[in-house]
Amino acid sequence: MLAEKQQELNNVVLKYGLRSKEALYISQELDIMINQVMKEKALT
């Protein structure tokens, strides 16, 4: 599932031609959100 989300992000980056710096920022933000969700799921 997480790999699918990463692939979706990659597709968006390719589609819209975001500059690599912007794409990297978005990827980092996504990683942070995923980590938060995983921590919350681990606690329950």
Protein backbone atom coordinates (compact mmCIF):
# COMPACT_ATOMS: atom_id res chain seq x y z
CA MET A 1 0.00 0.00 0.00
CA LEU A 2 2.72 2.48 0.95
CA ALA A 3 4.67 1.49 -2.14
CA GLU A 4 1.56 2.26 -4.20
CA LYS A 5 1.35 5.73 -2.67
CA GLN A 6 5.01 6.34 -3.46
CA GLN A 7 4.40 5.20 -7.04
CA GLU A 8 1.42 7.56 -7.30
CA LEU A 9 3.64 10.40 -6.10
CA ASN A 10 6.29 9.48 -8.65
CA ASN A 11 3.66 9.48 -11.39
CA VAL A 12 2.42 12.92 -10.34
CA VAL A 13 5.98 14.25 -10.34
CA LEU A 14 6.56 12.90 -13.85
CA LYS A 15 3.18 14.10 -15.10
CA TYR A 16 3.50 17.66 -13.87
CA GLY A 17 7.26 17.92 -14.24
CA LEU A 18 7.88 19.27 -10.77
CA ARG A 19 11.41 20.39 -10.10
CA SER A 20 13.32 17.79 -8.14
CA LYS A 21 13.58 20.05 -5.08
CA GLU A 22 9.79 20.38 -4.89
CA ALA A 23 9.33 16.67 -5.51
CA LEU A 24 11.81 15.84 -2.77
CA TYR A 25 9.99 18.15 -0.35
CA ILE A 26 6.64 16.53 -1.15
CA SER A 27 8.19 13.08 -0.75
CA GLN A 28 9.62 14.01 2.65
CA GLU A 29 6.27 15.41 3.79
CA LEU A 30 4.58 12.19 2.66
CA ASP A 31 7.14 10.09 4.53
CA ILE A 32 6.50 12.10 7.71
CA MET A 33 2.73 11.61 7.40
CA ILE A 34 3.15 7.88 6.73
CA ASN A 35 5.41 7.54 9.77
CA GLN A 36 2.84 9.31 11.95
CA VAL A 37 0.07 6.99 10.76
CA MET A 38 2.22 3.90 11.31
CA LYS A 39 3.07 5.04 14.86
CA GLU A 40 -0.58 5.64 15.66
CA LYS A 41 -1.55 2.22 14.29
CA ALA A 42 1.23 0.60 16.32
CA LEU A 43 -0.10 2.20 19.51
CA THR A 44 -3.65 0.93 19.08
